[in-house]
Amino acid sequence: MRFYYSCFTKASIRTVTITRSTRDDILNFNILGGSDTLTNNGIFVSKVERNSKAYDAGLRRGDQILSVNGQCFDYLAHARALEILRGSTHLSLTVKNNLMGFNEIINPEKSPVRKKRHDISLYEQEIRNKLNGSSPIRSQSIITPTTSPILPISPSDSSHHQSRLPLITITTPTKNIPINSEKIKPRPLTKRMGLKRAVMQKLKITKNNR
């Protein structure tokens, strides 16, 4: 029970007040982390000088800074956090002890969050590889129906089209009337009947006229 109580008190949120005479005075503590880091677990106190104002106020290594002067430090970049801490002579820090998150920043390769992200990235890569492996089959199934109707069109349709052209050209010369008119004209009498029969016919006509 004592161990549980001590952990609870260390993890509880507390307020640390630090005052400086000027902004140029040293803070006497260092921070690490921020939204621009791999773990992005927040801003943590990495070192506190002993017998300093920050140490006497209760700031300790492994404390996570939740806010400073009412400004939230969650998802804040490291440079912006330093700017806020150095920009005021009166600092009211809301902190809590978070050794687990602090160790994840110090040893990111052992971080369970990073390991989980790594496993997710491996799973996504495996899915991409499977999709890329099956992509040629999909491309063939998509290409074959589009190319299949094109293949029979080029040779067969051109041959059929060429074979139909003479039929059209044969029917068009019906406009040549002189050829048909010569066949329709009556031939001379001498050509239809023999020469002798034509002469005899003429003689008969002359006799009748007399």
N, C-alpha and C. Protein backbone atom coordinates (compact mmCIF):
# COMPACT_ATOMS: atom_id res chain seq x y z
N MET A 1 0.83 -1.21 0.00
CA MET A 1 0.00 0.00 0.00
C MET A 1 0.86 1.26 0.00
N ARG A 2 1.98 1.22 0.71
CA ARG A 2 2.85 2.38 0.74
C ARG A 2 3.43 2.65 -0.64
N PHE A 3 3.82 1.59 -1.36
CA PHE A 3 4.38 1.74 -2.70
C PHE A 3 3.35 2.33 -3.64
N TYR A 4 2.12 1.85 -3.55
CA TYR A 4 1.04 2.36 -4.39
C TYR A 4 0.78 3.84 -4.08
N TYR A 5 0.83 4.19 -2.81
CA TYR A 5 0.58 5.58 -2.42
C TYR A 5 1.69 6.50 -2.92
N SER A 6 2.94 6.02 -2.84
CA SER A 6 4.06 6.84 -3.30
C SER A 6 3.99 7.05 -4.81
N CYS A 7 3.62 6.01 -5.57
CA CYS A 7 3.48 6.16 -7.02
C CYS A 7 2.37 7.13 -7.36
N PHE A 8 1.29 7.06 -6.60
CA PHE A 8 0.15 7.94 -6.87
C PHE A 8 0.52 9.40 -6.62
N THR A 9 1.28 9.64 -5.53
CA THR A 9 1.66 11.01 -5.22
C THR A 9 2.64 11.56 -6.25
N LYS A 10 3.56 10.71 -6.75
CA LYS A 10 4.51 11.16 -7.75
C LYS A 10 3.81 11.45 -9.07
N ALA A 11 2.79 10.68 -9.40
CA ALA A 11 2.10 10.87 -10.67
C ALA A 11 1.05 11.96 -10.59
N SER A 12 0.77 12.47 -9.40
CA SER A 12 -0.26 13.50 -9.26
C SER A 12 0.23 14.82 -9.84
N ILE A 13 -0.71 15.62 -10.29
CA ILE A 13 -0.39 16.92 -10.88
C ILE A 13 -0.09 17.92 -9.76
N ARG A 14 0.96 18.72 -9.96
CA ARG A 14 1.34 19.71 -8.97
C ARG A 14 1.80 20.98 -9.70
N THR A 15 1.92 22.04 -8.94
CA THR A 15 2.32 23.34 -9.49
C THR A 15 3.66 23.75 -8.90
N VAL A 16 4.57 24.14 -9.78
CA VAL A 16 5.91 24.59 -9.38
C VAL A 16 6.06 26.04 -9.83
N THR A 17 6.42 26.91 -8.88
CA THR A 17 6.57 28.34 -9.18
C THR A 17 8.04 28.72 -9.11
N ILE A 18 8.51 29.35 -10.18
CA ILE A 18 9.91 29.77 -10.27
C ILE A 18 9.94 31.25 -10.64
N THR A 19 10.74 32.01 -9.89
CA THR A 19 10.89 33.45 -10.18
C THR A 19 12.35 33.77 -10.46
N ARG A 20 12.54 34.72 -11.39
CA ARG A 20 13.88 35.19 -11.72
C ARG A 20 13.87 36.72 -11.70
N SER A 21 15.04 37.27 -11.44
CA SER A 21 15.13 38.73 -11.40
C SER A 21 15.05 39.32 -12.81
N THR A 22 15.70 38.70 -13.76
CA THR A 22 15.65 39.14 -15.16
C THR A 22 15.46 37.93 -16.07
N ARG A 23 15.12 38.22 -17.31
CA ARG A 23 14.94 37.13 -18.27
C ARG A 23 16.26 36.48 -18.67
N ASP A 24 17.35 37.21 -18.44
CA ASP A 24 18.66 36.66 -18.81
C ASP A 24 19.18 35.65 -17.79
N ASP A 25 18.54 35.55 -16.64
CA ASP A 25 18.98 34.57 -15.64
C ASP A 25 18.76 33.15 -16.16
N ILE A 26 19.66 32.26 -15.74
CA ILE A 26 19.58 30.87 -16.20
C ILE A 26 18.40 30.18 -15.53
N LEU A 27 17.74 29.31 -16.28
CA LEU A 27 16.59 28.58 -15.73
C LEU A 27 17.02 27.48 -14.76
N ASN A 28 18.25 26.97 -14.92
CA ASN A 28 18.79 25.90 -14.07
C ASN A 28 18.07 24.56 -14.26
N PHE A 29 17.39 24.41 -15.35
CA PHE A 29 16.84 23.09 -15.71
C PHE A 29 16.73 23.01 -17.24
N ASN A 30 16.81 21.81 -17.73
CA ASN A 30 16.76 21.55 -19.18
C ASN A 30 15.50 20.77 -19.53
N ILE A 31 15.07 20.93 -20.74
CA ILE A 31 13.88 20.21 -21.22
C ILE A 31 14.22 19.45 -22.50
N LEU A 32 13.41 18.45 -22.80
CA LEU A 32 13.51 17.73 -24.07
C LEU A 32 12.11 17.29 -24.49
N GLY A 33 12.03 16.82 -25.74
CA GLY A 33 10.74 16.39 -26.29
C GLY A 33 10.09 17.49 -27.11
N GLY A 34 8.84 17.28 -27.42
CA GLY A 34 8.10 18.24 -28.23
C GLY A 34 7.39 17.55 -29.39
N SER A 35 6.54 18.32 -30.05
CA SER A 35 5.78 17.75 -31.16
C SER A 35 6.64 17.44 -32.37
N ASP A 36 7.85 18.01 -32.44
CA ASP A 36 8.73 17.75 -33.57
C ASP A 36 9.65 16.56 -33.34
N THR A 37 9.44 15.79 -32.28
CA THR A 37 10.22 14.59 -32.02
C THR A 37 9.48 13.36 -32.52
N LEU A 38 10.17 12.21 -32.50
CA LEU A 38 9.57 10.98 -33.01
C LEU A 38 8.43 10.49 -32.12
N THR A 39 8.67 10.53 -30.81
CA THR A 39 7.66 10.00 -29.89
C THR A 39 6.49 10.97 -29.71
N ASN A 40 6.80 12.28 -29.66
CA ASN A 40 5.76 13.31 -29.50
C ASN A 40 4.90 13.03 -28.27
N ASN A 41 5.59 12.81 -27.13
CA ASN A 41 4.88 12.54 -25.88
C ASN A 41 4.72 13.76 -25.00
N GLY A 42 5.23 14.90 -25.44
CA GLY A 42 5.15 16.11 -24.63
C GLY A 42 6.51 16.68 -24.31
N ILE A 43 6.53 17.67 -23.42
CA ILE A 43 7.76 18.33 -22.97
C ILE A 43 8.10 17.81 -21.58
N PHE A 44 9.36 17.37 -21.41
CA PHE A 44 9.81 16.77 -20.15
C PHE A 44 11.04 17.51 -19.63
N VAL A 45 11.22 17.45 -18.30
CA VAL A 45 12.41 18.00 -17.65
C VAL A 45 13.48 16.92 -17.66
N SER A 46 14.59 17.21 -18.34
CA SER A 46 15.66 16.22 -18.45
C SER A 46 16.75 16.39 -17.39
N LYS A 47 16.89 17.59 -16.84
CA LYS A 47 17.94 17.83 -15.84
C LYS A 47 17.56 19.04 -14.99
N VAL A 48 17.81 18.94 -13.67
CA VAL A 48 17.57 20.06 -12.74
C VAL A 48 18.82 20.24 -11.89
N GLU A 49 19.34 21.46 -11.88
CA GLU A 49 20.52 21.75 -11.06
C GLU A 49 20.15 21.71 -9.57
N ARG A 50 20.96 20.98 -8.80
CA ARG A 50 20.71 20.90 -7.36
C ARG A 50 20.95 22.26 -6.70
N ASN A 51 20.21 22.48 -5.63
CA ASN A 51 20.29 23.72 -4.85
C ASN A 51 19.95 24.96 -5.68
N SER A 52 19.19 24.76 -6.75
CA SER A 52 18.72 25.89 -7.56
C SER A 52 17.28 26.21 -7.16
N LYS A 53 16.77 27.34 -7.66
CA LYS A 53 15.39 27.72 -7.35
C LYS A 53 14.40 26.69 -7.89
N ALA A 54 14.68 26.17 -9.07
CA ALA A 54 13.79 25.17 -9.66
C ALA A 54 13.79 23.89 -8.83
N TYR A 55 14.99 23.49 -8.35
CA TYR A 55 15.06 22.27 -7.53
C TYR A 55 14.38 22.48 -6.18
N ASP A 56 14.61 23.64 -5.58
CA ASP A 56 13.98 23.92 -4.28
C ASP A 56 12.47 24.04 -4.40
N ALA A 57 11.99 24.46 -5.59
CA ALA A 57 10.54 24.58 -5.79
C ALA A 57 9.87 23.22 -5.99
N GLY A 58 10.67 22.18 -6.24
CA GLY A 58 10.11 20.83 -6.38
C GLY A 58 10.15 20.26 -7.78
N LEU A 59 10.82 20.94 -8.69
CA LEU A 59 10.92 20.41 -10.06
C LEU A 59 11.96 19.30 -10.09
N ARG A 60 11.62 18.18 -10.73
CA ARG A 60 12.50 17.02 -10.75
C ARG A 60 12.64 16.47 -12.18
N ARG A 61 13.71 15.70 -12.33
CA ARG A 61 13.97 15.03 -13.61
C ARG A 61 12.88 14.00 -13.89
N GLY A 62 12.35 14.02 -15.09
CA GLY A 62 11.26 13.11 -15.46
C GLY A 62 9.89 13.73 -15.34
N ASP A 63 9.82 14.98 -14.84
CA ASP A 63 8.52 15.67 -14.77
C ASP A 63 8.09 16.09 -16.17
N GLN A 64 6.82 15.88 -16.46
CA GLN A 64 6.25 16.35 -17.72
C GLN A 64 5.59 17.70 -17.48
N ILE A 65 5.97 18.68 -18.28
CA ILE A 65 5.39 20.03 -18.15
C ILE A 65 4.08 20.05 -18.92
N LEU A 66 2.99 20.21 -18.20
CA LEU A 66 1.66 20.24 -18.83
C LEU A 66 1.30 21.63 -19.33
N SER A 67 1.67 22.64 -18.57
CA SER A 67 1.37 24.02 -18.97
C SER A 67 2.31 24.97 -18.24
N VAL A 68 2.49 26.15 -18.81
CA VAL A 68 3.30 27.21 -18.21
C VAL A 68 2.52 28.51 -18.30
N ASN A 69 2.23 29.10 -17.13
CA ASN A 69 1.46 30.34 -17.07
C ASN A 69 0.12 30.21 -17.81
N GLY A 70 -0.48 29.04 -17.69
CA GLY A 70 -1.79 28.80 -18.30
C GLY A 70 -1.76 28.38 -19.75
N GLN A 71 -0.58 28.34 -20.37
CA GLN A 71 -0.47 27.93 -21.77
C GLN A 71 -0.13 26.44 -21.84
N CYS A 72 -0.95 25.70 -22.57
CA CYS A 72 -0.79 24.25 -22.65
C CYS A 72 0.49 23.90 -23.41
N PHE A 73 1.20 22.90 -22.89
CA PHE A 73 2.44 22.44 -23.53
C PHE A 73 2.24 21.13 -24.29
N ASP A 74 1.03 20.64 -24.37
CA ASP A 74 0.78 19.44 -25.17
C ASP A 74 0.86 19.79 -26.65
N TYR A 75 1.52 18.93 -27.42
CA TYR A 75 1.68 19.12 -28.87
C TYR A 75 2.33 20.46 -29.20
N LEU A 76 3.32 20.83 -28.37
CA LEU A 76 4.06 22.07 -28.57
C LEU A 76 5.48 21.73 -29.02
N ALA A 77 6.01 22.49 -29.97
CA ALA A 77 7.36 22.24 -30.46
C ALA A 77 8.39 22.60 -29.39
N HIS A 78 9.58 21.99 -29.50
CA HIS A 78 10.62 22.20 -28.50
C HIS A 78 11.07 23.66 -28.47
N ALA A 79 11.28 24.26 -29.62
CA ALA A 79 11.75 25.64 -29.68
C ALA A 79 10.72 26.60 -29.10
N ARG A 80 9.45 26.35 -29.37
CA ARG A 80 8.39 27.20 -28.83
C ARG A 80 8.31 27.08 -27.30
N ALA A 81 8.53 25.89 -26.78
CA ALA A 81 8.51 25.70 -25.32
C ALA A 81 9.64 26.48 -24.66
N LEU A 82 10.85 26.45 -25.24
CA LEU A 82 11.97 27.23 -24.70
C LEU A 82 11.68 28.72 -24.76
N GLU A 83 11.05 29.15 -25.83
CA GLU A 83 10.73 30.57 -25.97
C GLU A 83 9.78 31.04 -24.86
N ILE A 84 8.81 30.22 -24.53
CA ILE A 84 7.86 30.58 -23.46
C ILE A 84 8.55 30.59 -22.10
N LEU A 85 9.39 29.59 -21.84
CA LEU A 85 10.06 29.51 -20.54
C LEU A 85 11.04 30.66 -20.34
N ARG A 86 11.73 31.07 -21.39
CA ARG A 86 12.71 32.15 -21.27
C ARG A 86 12.09 33.54 -21.39
N GLY A 87 10.84 33.60 -21.79
CA GLY A 87 10.22 34.90 -22.03
C GLY A 87 9.55 35.52 -20.83
N SER A 88 9.60 34.89 -19.67
CA SER A 88 8.93 35.45 -18.49
C SER A 88 9.81 35.25 -17.26
N THR A 89 9.77 36.22 -16.35
CA THR A 89 10.53 36.11 -15.10
C THR A 89 9.75 35.36 -14.02
N HIS A 90 8.45 35.25 -14.19
CA HIS A 90 7.61 34.52 -13.24
C HIS A 90 6.98 33.34 -13.98
N LEU A 91 7.36 32.14 -13.56
CA LEU A 91 6.89 30.93 -14.22
C LEU A 91 6.06 30.10 -13.25
N SER A 92 4.86 29.78 -13.67
CA SER A 92 4.00 28.88 -12.90
C SER A 92 3.81 27.61 -13.75
N LEU A 93 4.55 26.57 -13.38
CA LEU A 93 4.57 25.33 -14.16
C LEU A 93 3.61 24.31 -13.55
N THR A 94 2.75 23.77 -14.37
CA THR A 94 1.90 22.64 -13.97
C THR A 94 2.56 21.38 -14.51
N VAL A 95 2.99 20.51 -13.59
CA VAL A 95 3.78 19.34 -13.99
C VAL A 95 3.22 18.09 -13.33
N LYS A 96 3.66 16.96 -13.85
CA LYS A 96 3.40 15.67 -13.21
C LYS A 96 4.55 14.74 -13.55
N ASN A 97 4.85 13.83 -12.64
CA ASN A 97 5.93 12.88 -12.86
C ASN A 97 5.47 11.80 -13.83
N ASN A 98 6.25 11.63 -14.92
CA ASN A 98 5.90 10.65 -15.96
C ASN A 98 7.19 10.01 -16.45
N LEU A 99 7.73 9.11 -15.63
CA LEU A 99 9.00 8.47 -15.98
C LEU A 99 8.86 7.56 -17.20
N MET A 100 7.70 6.95 -17.37
CA MET A 100 7.51 6.07 -18.52
C MET A 100 7.61 6.85 -19.83
N GLY A 101 6.92 7.98 -19.90
CA GLY A 101 7.01 8.80 -21.10
C GLY A 101 8.39 9.39 -21.29
N PHE A 102 9.07 9.72 -20.18
CA PHE A 102 10.42 10.26 -20.26
C PHE A 102 11.40 9.22 -20.81
N ASN A 103 11.27 7.97 -20.36
CA ASN A 103 12.14 6.91 -20.87
C ASN A 103 11.88 6.61 -22.34
N GLU A 104 10.65 6.79 -22.79
CA GLU A 104 10.36 6.58 -24.21
C GLU A 104 11.06 7.61 -25.08
N ILE A 105 11.25 8.82 -24.54
CA ILE A 105 11.97 9.84 -25.30
C ILE A 105 13.47 9.56 -25.28
N ILE A 106 13.98 9.12 -24.12
CA ILE A 106 15.42 8.83 -24.03
C ILE A 106 15.78 7.62 -24.87
N ASN A 107 14.98 6.57 -24.81
CA ASN A 107 15.21 5.33 -25.57
C ASN A 107 14.04 5.09 -26.53
N PRO A 108 14.00 5.80 -27.63
CA PRO A 108 12.85 5.66 -28.54
C PRO A 108 12.75 4.28 -29.17
N GLU A 109 13.91 3.60 -29.30
CA GLU A 109 13.86 2.26 -29.92
C GLU A 109 13.14 1.25 -29.03
N LYS A 110 13.10 1.52 -27.71
CA LYS A 110 12.40 0.63 -26.79
C LYS A 110 10.98 1.09 -26.48
N SER A 111 10.57 2.15 -27.13
CA SER A 111 9.24 2.70 -26.85
C SER A 111 8.16 1.78 -27.42
N PRO A 112 7.17 1.40 -26.60
CA PRO A 112 6.08 0.56 -27.13
C PRO A 112 5.25 1.28 -28.18
N VAL A 113 5.18 2.62 -28.06
CA VAL A 113 4.42 3.38 -29.07
C VAL A 113 5.11 3.30 -30.41
N ARG A 114 6.45 3.48 -30.39
CA ARG A 114 7.18 3.41 -31.65
C ARG A 114 7.17 2.00 -32.21
N LYS A 115 7.25 1.00 -31.32
CA LYS A 115 7.18 -0.38 -31.78
C LYS A 115 5.84 -0.66 -32.45
N LYS A 116 4.78 -0.12 -31.86
CA LYS A 116 3.46 -0.31 -32.45
C LYS A 116 3.38 0.36 -33.82
N ARG A 117 3.93 1.57 -33.91
CA ARG A 117 3.95 2.25 -35.20
C ARG A 117 4.77 1.47 -36.21
N HIS A 118 5.89 0.89 -35.75
CA HIS A 118 6.74 0.11 -36.64
C HIS A 118 5.99 -1.12 -37.15
N ASP A 119 5.27 -1.78 -36.24
CA ASP A 119 4.49 -2.95 -36.65
C ASP A 119 3.40 -2.57 -37.64
N ILE A 120 2.77 -1.42 -37.41
CA ILE A 120 1.73 -0.97 -38.34
C ILE A 120 2.33 -0.66 -39.71
N SER A 121 3.52 -0.02 -39.71
CA SER A 121 4.15 0.28 -40.99
C SER A 121 4.55 -0.98 -41.73
N LEU A 122 5.01 -2.00 -40.99
CA LEU A 122 5.34 -3.27 -41.63
C LEU A 122 4.10 -3.93 -42.21
N TYR A 123 3.00 -3.86 -41.47
CA TYR A 123 1.75 -4.44 -41.95
C TYR A 123 1.26 -3.72 -43.21
N GLU A 124 1.37 -2.38 -43.20
CA GLU A 124 0.96 -1.62 -44.38
C GLU A 124 1.85 -1.95 -45.57
N GLN A 125 3.16 -2.11 -45.32
CA GLN A 125 4.08 -2.45 -46.41
C GLN A 125 3.77 -3.83 -46.97
N GLU A 126 3.41 -4.76 -46.09
CA GLU A 126 3.05 -6.10 -46.55
C GLU A 126 1.80 -6.06 -47.43
N ILE A 127 0.84 -5.25 -47.03
CA ILE A 127 -0.38 -5.12 -47.84
C ILE A 127 -0.05 -4.51 -49.20
N ARG A 128 0.83 -3.49 -49.21
CA ARG A 128 1.22 -2.88 -50.48
C ARG A 128 1.91 -3.89 -51.39
N ASN A 129 2.78 -4.72 -50.80
CA ASN A 129 3.47 -5.72 -51.60
C ASN A 129 2.50 -6.72 -52.20
N LYS A 130 1.49 -7.12 -51.40
CA LYS A 130 0.49 -8.05 -51.92
C LYS A 130 -0.32 -7.42 -53.04
N LEU A 131 -0.67 -6.16 -52.87
CA LEU A 131 -1.44 -5.47 -53.91
C LEU A 131 -0.60 -5.29 -55.17
N ASN A 132 0.68 -4.95 -54.99
CA ASN A 132 1.55 -4.81 -56.16
C ASN A 132 1.78 -6.14 -56.85
N GLY A 133 1.80 -7.23 -56.05
CA GLY A 133 1.97 -8.55 -56.66
C GLY A 133 0.77 -8.98 -57.46
N SER A 134 -0.42 -8.57 -57.04
CA SER A 134 -1.64 -8.95 -57.75
C SER A 134 -2.04 -7.95 -58.81
N SER A 135 -1.31 -6.84 -58.93
CA SER A 135 -1.69 -5.83 -59.90
C SER A 135 -1.56 -6.28 -61.34
N PRO A 136 -0.53 -7.09 -61.74
CA PRO A 136 -0.50 -7.53 -63.14
C PRO A 136 -1.72 -8.32 -63.54
N ILE A 137 -2.27 -9.15 -62.62
CA ILE A 137 -3.45 -9.94 -62.96
C ILE A 137 -4.63 -9.03 -63.22
N ARG A 138 -4.76 -7.99 -62.40
CA ARG A 138 -5.86 -7.06 -62.62
C ARG A 138 -5.69 -6.31 -63.92
N SER A 139 -4.45 -5.95 -64.24
CA SER A 139 -4.24 -5.20 -65.46
C SER A 139 -4.56 -6.05 -66.68
N GLN A 140 -4.24 -7.36 -66.63
CA GLN A 140 -4.56 -8.22 -67.75
C GLN A 140 -6.06 -8.38 -67.89
N SER A 141 -6.76 -8.54 -66.77
CA SER A 141 -8.21 -8.72 -66.85
C SER A 141 -8.89 -7.47 -67.36
N ILE A 142 -8.27 -6.34 -67.11
CA ILE A 142 -8.88 -5.10 -67.58
C ILE A 142 -8.54 -4.86 -69.04
N ILE A 143 -7.33 -5.24 -69.45
CA ILE A 143 -6.89 -4.95 -70.80
C ILE A 143 -7.53 -5.88 -71.82
N THR A 144 -7.69 -7.17 -71.45
CA THR A 144 -8.17 -8.13 -72.43
C THR A 144 -9.53 -7.81 -73.01
N PRO A 145 -10.53 -7.37 -72.21
CA PRO A 145 -11.80 -7.07 -72.85
C PRO A 145 -11.75 -5.86 -73.76
N THR A 146 -10.83 -4.93 -73.48
CA THR A 146 -10.77 -3.75 -74.33
C THR A 146 -10.06 -4.03 -75.64
N THR A 147 -9.06 -4.92 -75.61
CA THR A 147 -8.33 -5.19 -76.84
C THR A 147 -8.98 -6.25 -77.70
N SER A 148 -9.80 -7.13 -77.09
CA SER A 148 -10.39 -8.23 -77.86
C SER A 148 -11.28 -7.75 -78.99
N PRO A 149 -12.15 -6.72 -78.82
CA PRO A 149 -12.95 -6.31 -79.96
C PRO A 149 -12.17 -5.60 -81.03
N ILE A 150 -10.95 -5.12 -80.70
CA ILE A 150 -10.19 -4.38 -81.69
C ILE A 150 -9.53 -5.33 -82.68
N LEU A 151 -9.12 -6.50 -82.22
CA LEU A 151 -8.38 -7.41 -83.08
C LEU A 151 -9.17 -7.88 -84.29
N PRO A 152 -10.43 -8.34 -84.16
CA PRO A 152 -11.14 -8.81 -85.36
C PRO A 152 -11.59 -7.70 -86.28
N ILE A 153 -11.55 -6.47 -85.82
CA ILE A 153 -12.11 -5.40 -86.64
C ILE A 153 -11.17 -5.05 -87.77
N SER A 154 -9.85 -4.93 -87.47
CA SER A 154 -8.94 -4.40 -88.46
C SER A 154 -8.81 -5.27 -89.70
N PRO A 155 -8.59 -6.61 -89.59
CA PRO A 155 -8.45 -7.39 -90.82
C PRO A 155 -9.77 -7.73 -91.49
N SER A 156 -10.75 -8.17 -90.71
CA SER A 156 -11.98 -8.69 -91.30
C SER A 156 -12.83 -7.58 -91.88
N ASP A 157 -12.96 -6.51 -91.11
CA ASP A 157 -13.81 -5.43 -91.59
C ASP A 157 -13.22 -4.78 -92.82
N SER A 158 -11.89 -4.66 -92.88
CA SER A 158 -11.29 -4.06 -94.06
C SER A 158 -11.50 -4.93 -95.28
N SER A 159 -11.38 -6.28 -95.10
CA SER A 159 -11.59 -7.18 -96.24
C SER A 159 -13.03 -7.16 -96.70
N HIS A 160 -13.97 -7.14 -95.73
CA HIS A 160 -15.38 -7.07 -96.11
C HIS A 160 -15.70 -5.76 -96.80
N HIS A 161 -15.07 -4.70 -96.33
CA HIS A 161 -15.33 -3.41 -96.94
C HIS A 161 -14.80 -3.36 -98.36
N GLN A 162 -13.60 -3.95 -98.58
CA GLN A 162 -13.05 -3.98 -99.92
C GLN A 162 -13.87 -4.87 -100.85
N SER A 163 -14.43 -5.96 -100.31
CA SER A 163 -15.23 -6.85 -101.17
C SER A 163 -16.56 -6.23 -101.55
N ARG A 164 -17.06 -5.33 -100.75
CA ARG A 164 -18.33 -4.69 -101.06
C ARG A 164 -18.17 -3.54 -102.04
N LEU A 165 -16.98 -2.98 -102.17
CA LEU A 165 -16.79 -1.85 -103.06
C LEU A 165 -17.08 -2.18 -104.52
N PRO A 166 -16.66 -3.32 -105.08
CA PRO A 166 -16.98 -3.61 -106.49
C PRO A 166 -18.47 -3.70 -106.74
N LEU A 167 -19.25 -4.20 -105.77
CA LEU A 167 -20.70 -4.29 -105.97
C LEU A 167 -21.30 -2.91 -106.16
N ILE A 168 -20.77 -1.95 -105.46
CA ILE A 168 -21.30 -0.59 -105.58
C ILE A 168 -20.89 0.02 -106.92
N THR A 169 -19.66 -0.25 -107.35
CA THR A 169 -19.20 0.33 -108.61
C THR A 169 -19.88 -0.31 -109.81
N ILE A 170 -20.32 -1.54 -109.70
CA ILE A 170 -20.99 -2.21 -110.82
C ILE A 170 -22.38 -1.63 -111.03
N THR A 171 -23.05 -1.28 -109.96
CA THR A 171 -24.43 -0.78 -110.10
C THR A 171 -24.46 0.66 -110.59
N THR A 172 -23.42 1.41 -110.37
CA THR A 172 -23.45 2.83 -110.75
C THR A 172 -23.42 3.07 -112.25
N PRO A 173 -22.78 2.26 -113.13
CA PRO A 173 -22.72 2.61 -114.55
C PRO A 173 -24.04 2.52 -115.27
N THR A 174 -25.17 2.38 -114.61
CA THR A 174 -26.48 2.36 -115.27
C THR A 174 -26.82 3.70 -115.91
N LYS A 175 -26.03 4.73 -115.59
CA LYS A 175 -26.29 6.05 -116.16
C LYS A 175 -25.82 6.18 -117.61
N ASN A 176 -25.01 5.24 -118.09
CA ASN A 176 -24.51 5.31 -119.47
C ASN A 176 -25.63 4.94 -120.44
N ILE A 177 -26.39 5.92 -120.85
CA ILE A 177 -27.56 5.70 -121.72
C ILE A 177 -27.17 5.35 -123.13
N PRO A 178 -26.09 5.93 -123.74
CA PRO A 178 -25.78 5.60 -125.15
C PRO A 178 -25.58 4.13 -125.39
N ILE A 179 -25.02 3.41 -124.42
CA ILE A 179 -24.79 1.98 -124.64
C ILE A 179 -26.11 1.26 -124.77
N ASN A 180 -27.05 1.56 -123.92
CA ASN A 180 -28.35 0.91 -123.98
C ASN A 180 -29.17 1.39 -125.18
N SER A 181 -28.99 2.67 -125.59
CA SER A 181 -29.76 3.21 -126.71
C SER A 181 -29.39 2.55 -128.02
N GLU A 182 -28.10 2.17 -128.15
CA GLU A 182 -27.71 1.49 -129.38
C GLU A 182 -28.37 0.13 -129.49
N LYS A 183 -28.55 -0.52 -128.37
CA LYS A 183 -29.22 -1.81 -128.41
C LYS A 183 -30.70 -1.66 -128.71
N ILE A 184 -31.29 -0.53 -128.30
CA ILE A 184 -32.73 -0.34 -128.49
C ILE A 184 -33.05 0.12 -129.91
N LYS A 185 -32.12 0.84 -130.61
CA LYS A 185 -32.38 1.36 -131.96
C LYS A 185 -32.69 0.21 -132.93
N PRO A 186 -33.72 0.40 -133.83
CA PRO A 186 -34.00 -0.65 -134.84
C PRO A 186 -32.92 -0.69 -135.89
N ARG A 187 -32.52 -1.90 -136.23
CA ARG A 187 -31.49 -2.05 -137.24
C ARG A 187 -32.09 -1.77 -138.63
N PRO A 188 -31.31 -1.42 -139.66
CA PRO A 188 -31.83 -1.20 -141.03
C PRO A 188 -32.50 -2.46 -141.57
N LEU A 189 -33.30 -2.23 -142.60
CA LEU A 189 -34.05 -3.35 -143.19
C LEU A 189 -33.15 -4.38 -143.82
N THR A 190 -32.08 -3.88 -144.44
CA THR A 190 -31.14 -4.80 -145.10
C THR A 190 -30.42 -5.68 -144.13
N LYS A 191 -30.23 -5.17 -142.91
CA LYS A 191 -29.54 -5.98 -141.91
C LYS A 191 -30.49 -6.99 -141.31
N ARG A 192 -31.77 -6.61 -141.13
CA ARG A 192 -32.71 -7.56 -140.54
C ARG A 192 -33.09 -8.66 -141.54
N MET A 193 -33.29 -8.29 -142.80
CA MET A 193 -33.65 -9.26 -143.84
C MET A 193 -32.47 -9.43 -144.79
N GLY A 194 -32.49 -10.41 -145.46
CA GLY A 194 -31.42 -10.61 -146.42
C GLY A 194 -31.49 -9.60 -147.56
N LEU A 195 -30.38 -9.49 -148.29
CA LEU A 195 -30.33 -8.53 -149.39
C LEU A 195 -31.36 -8.87 -150.46
N LYS A 196 -31.49 -10.12 -150.78
CA LYS A 196 -32.45 -10.53 -151.83
C LYS A 196 -33.87 -10.24 -151.39
N ARG A 197 -34.16 -10.56 -150.15
CA ARG A 197 -35.51 -10.34 -149.67
C ARG A 197 -35.83 -8.86 -149.63
N ALA A 198 -34.87 -8.04 -149.37
CA ALA A 198 -35.10 -6.61 -149.36
C ALA A 198 -35.40 -6.09 -150.77
N VAL A 199 -34.66 -6.59 -151.73
CA VAL A 199 -34.90 -6.16 -153.12
C VAL A 199 -36.26 -6.60 -153.58
N MET A 200 -36.63 -7.82 -153.27
CA MET A 200 -37.94 -8.33 -153.68
C MET A 200 -39.05 -7.55 -153.00
N GLN A 201 -38.85 -7.18 -151.80
CA GLN A 201 -39.86 -6.42 -151.09
C GLN A 201 -40.06 -5.06 -151.73
N LYS A 202 -38.98 -4.44 -152.15
CA LYS A 202 -39.07 -3.14 -152.81
C LYS A 202 -39.79 -3.25 -154.15
N LEU A 203 -39.52 -4.33 -154.88
CA LEU A 203 -40.18 -4.52 -156.17
C LEU A 203 -41.67 -4.69 -155.98
N LYS A 204 -42.06 -5.43 -155.01
CA LYS A 204 -43.48 -5.61 -154.74
C LYS A 204 -44.14 -4.29 -154.41
N ILE A 205 -43.46 -3.47 -153.66
CA ILE A 205 -44.03 -2.18 -153.29
C ILE A 205 -44.23 -1.31 -154.52
N THR A 206 -43.28 -1.29 -155.44
CA THR A 206 -43.39 -0.47 -156.65
C THR A 206 -44.49 -0.96 -157.55
N LYS A 207 -44.67 -2.29 -157.67
CA LYS A 207 -45.74 -2.84 -158.50
C LYS A 207 -47.09 -2.45 -157.94
N ASN A 208 -47.25 -2.50 -156.73
CA ASN A 208 -48.52 -2.16 -156.11
C ASN A 208 -48.84 -0.68 -156.30
N ASN A 209 -47.83 0.13 -156.29
CA ASN A 209 -48.04 1.56 -156.46
C ASN A 209 -48.50 1.86 -157.87
N ARG A 210 -48.05 1.10 -158.85
CA ARG A 210 -48.47 1.32 -160.21
C ARG A 210 -49.92 0.93 -160.36
